[in-house]
Amino acid sequence: MSKKSIGGHNSADPILNVNLPNDLGQDQSVTGQLLGEEMYFDDKSGMLTMEKLYRDEDGKLAYGIISAIGHARERRAYKIEEKEESCIVTNGTLSLEFSYDELFELLAVALQSEQESVSRQVNEQVRRRLAANE
């Protein structure tokens, strides 16, 4: 990863040149600002997950996620173009267009099916952050 010296959002955050690796499509190159990143570990499965979200110079989002257990890992990357009534998601090989209603419906189904697992992960993440701040 390389950094540019010009400012990003609010002229304070740097513009980065990043390549998001993707095992399920094409790697996604992005020149933009890091909006957020998260890392968490699931004690039960032993899986470490790292996520990063960028906004490129054209306003499109780029999302990368890496999940690893031991030496096995899976890397995924997507670009998301927001439109007025829908968004287009691509992994570099396949592009899908979803209305925002469809995305909310998919999110609700995913949350329902993973509710128990997600709440355990969230509780564990909160516990670790509190422990780190003591």
Protein backbone atom coordinates (compact mmCIF):
# COMPACT_ATOMS: atom_id res chain seq x y z
CA MET A 1 0.00 0.00 0.00
CA SER A 2 1.28 3.43 -0.81
CA LYS A 3 0.18 6.84 0.39
CA LYS A 4 -0.25 10.07 -1.54
CA SER A 5 0.56 13.30 0.21
CA ILE A 6 -2.60 15.16 -0.86
CA GLY A 7 -5.46 15.30 1.63
CA GLY A 8 -8.60 13.20 1.53
CA HIS A 9 -11.89 13.82 3.34
CA ASN A 10 -11.80 17.20 5.10
CA SER A 11 -8.30 17.70 3.57
CA ALA A 12 -6.81 15.89 6.56
CA ASP A 13 -7.04 12.21 5.66
CA PRO A 14 -4.55 10.88 3.11
CA ILE A 15 -5.49 9.51 -0.29
CA LEU A 16 -4.23 5.92 -0.52
CA ASN A 17 -3.37 3.72 -3.50
CA VAL A 18 -4.53 0.26 -2.40
CA ASN A 19 -4.93 -3.14 -4.02
CA LEU A 20 -7.63 -5.24 -2.33
CA PRO A 21 -6.90 -8.94 -2.96
CA ASN A 22 -9.76 -11.13 -4.17
CA ASP A 23 -9.74 -14.94 -4.36
CA LEU A 24 -13.24 -15.02 -5.90
CA GLY A 25 -12.81 -12.47 -8.69
CA GLN A 26 -10.31 -9.83 -9.76
CA ASP A 27 -8.25 -7.84 -7.28
CA GLN A 28 -9.77 -4.39 -6.77
CA SER A 29 -7.45 -1.39 -7.07
CA VAL A 30 -8.64 1.79 -5.43
CA THR A 31 -7.24 5.28 -5.04
CA GLY A 32 -9.16 6.89 -2.23
CA GLN A 33 -9.70 7.54 1.42
CA LEU A 34 -9.99 4.89 4.13
CA LEU A 35 -13.45 5.33 5.69
CA GLY A 36 -13.21 2.57 8.27
CA GLU A 37 -11.57 -0.68 9.24
CA GLU A 38 -12.36 -3.44 11.68
CA MET A 39 -10.63 -6.55 12.94
CA TYR A 40 -12.18 -9.22 15.13
CA PHE A 41 -11.43 -12.73 16.34
CA ASP A 42 -14.01 -15.46 16.97
CA ASP A 43 -12.80 -17.59 19.90
CA LYS A 44 -15.20 -20.42 19.06
CA SER A 45 -14.17 -20.91 15.42
CA GLY A 46 -10.66 -19.46 15.64
CA MET A 47 -11.39 -17.17 12.69
CA LEU A 48 -9.70 -13.79 12.39
CA THR A 49 -11.56 -11.33 10.14
CA MET A 50 -10.28 -7.99 8.85
CA GLU A 51 -12.45 -5.51 6.92
CA LYS A 52 -11.64 -2.19 5.24
CA LEU A 53 -13.89 0.31 3.49
CA TYR A 54 -12.65 3.02 1.11
CA ARG A 55 -14.29 5.77 -0.95
CA ASP A 56 -12.49 6.40 -4.22
CA GLU A 57 -11.97 9.71 -5.99
CA ASP A 58 -15.17 9.14 -8.05
CA GLY A 59 -17.29 8.55 -4.93
CA LYS A 60 -17.56 4.76 -5.36
CA LEU A 61 -17.04 2.48 -2.37
CA ALA A 62 -14.46 -0.31 -2.23
CA TYR A 63 -14.76 -3.02 0.42
CA GLY A 64 -12.18 -5.68 1.27
CA ILE A 65 -12.54 -8.54 3.73
CA ILE A 66 -9.99 -11.19 4.70
CA SER A 67 -10.96 -14.17 6.87
CA ALA A 68 -8.33 -16.61 8.15
CA ILE A 69 -8.17 -19.71 10.30
CA GLY A 70 -4.58 -20.85 10.82
CA HIS A 71 -2.85 -20.83 7.43
CA ALA A 72 -6.12 -21.02 5.44
CA ARG A 73 -7.55 -17.71 4.31
CA GLU A 74 -10.20 -16.28 2.03
CA ARG A 75 -9.90 -12.79 0.55
CA ARG A 76 -12.82 -10.97 -1.03
CA ALA A 77 -13.08 -7.48 -2.51
CA TYR A 78 -15.97 -5.53 -4.00
CA LYS A 79 -16.64 -2.13 -5.53
CA ILE A 80 -20.02 -0.55 -4.91
CA GLU A 81 -21.50 2.19 -7.07
CA GLU A 82 -24.40 3.99 -5.41
CA LYS A 83 -27.21 5.20 -7.67
CA GLU A 84 -30.47 6.96 -6.83
CA GLU A 85 -32.69 3.85 -6.65
CA SER A 86 -30.12 1.05 -6.62
CA CYS A 87 -26.48 0.12 -6.32
CA ILE A 88 -24.16 -1.97 -8.46
CA VAL A 89 -21.83 -4.38 -6.69
CA THR A 90 -18.93 -5.99 -8.54
CA ASN A 91 -16.13 -8.35 -7.58
CA GLY A 92 -14.29 -7.60 -10.83
CA THR A 93 -15.74 -10.66 -12.56
CA LEU A 94 -19.46 -10.47 -11.81
CA SER A 95 -21.62 -7.36 -11.39
CA LEU A 96 -25.04 -7.33 -9.75
CA GLU A 97 -27.51 -4.46 -9.44
CA PHE A 98 -29.74 -4.37 -6.36
CA SER A 99 -32.51 -1.98 -5.43
CA TYR A 100 -32.10 -0.64 -1.91
CA ASP A 101 -35.29 -2.48 -0.89
CA GLU A 102 -33.72 -5.76 -2.04
CA LEU A 103 -30.55 -5.00 -0.09
CA PHE A 104 -32.50 -4.33 3.10
CA GLU A 105 -34.42 -7.56 2.58
CA LEU A 106 -31.18 -9.52 2.11
CA LEU A 107 -29.71 -7.86 5.18
CA ALA A 108 -32.75 -8.79 7.27
CA VAL A 109 -32.52 -12.43 6.15
CA ALA A 110 -28.78 -12.54 6.86
CA LEU A 111 -29.22 -10.95 10.28
CA GLN A 112 -31.99 -13.34 11.19
CA SER A 113 -30.01 -16.42 10.16
CA GLU A 114 -26.85 -15.25 11.93
CA GLN A 115 -28.49 -13.53 14.89
CA GLU A 116 -27.13 -15.88 17.53
CA SER A 117 -23.61 -16.02 16.10
CA VAL A 118 -23.46 -12.28 15.46
CA SER A 119 -24.60 -11.38 18.96
CA ARG A 120 -21.89 -13.63 20.43
CA GLN A 121 -19.27 -11.95 18.23
CA VAL A 122 -20.52 -8.46 19.12
CA ASN A 123 -20.53 -9.29 22.83
CA GLU A 124 -17.01 -10.70 22.58
CA GLN A 125 -15.81 -7.64 20.65
CA VAL A 126 -17.29 -5.26 23.24
CA ARG A 127 -15.77 -7.31 26.07
CA ARG A 128 -12.32 -7.15 24.45
CA ARG A 129 -12.53 -3.41 23.85
CA LEU A 130 -13.55 -2.81 27.46
CA ALA A 131 -10.71 -5.04 28.69
CA ALA A 132 -8.22 -3.18 26.48
CA ASN A 133 -9.36 0.16 27.94
CA GLU A 134 -8.91 -0.91 31.58
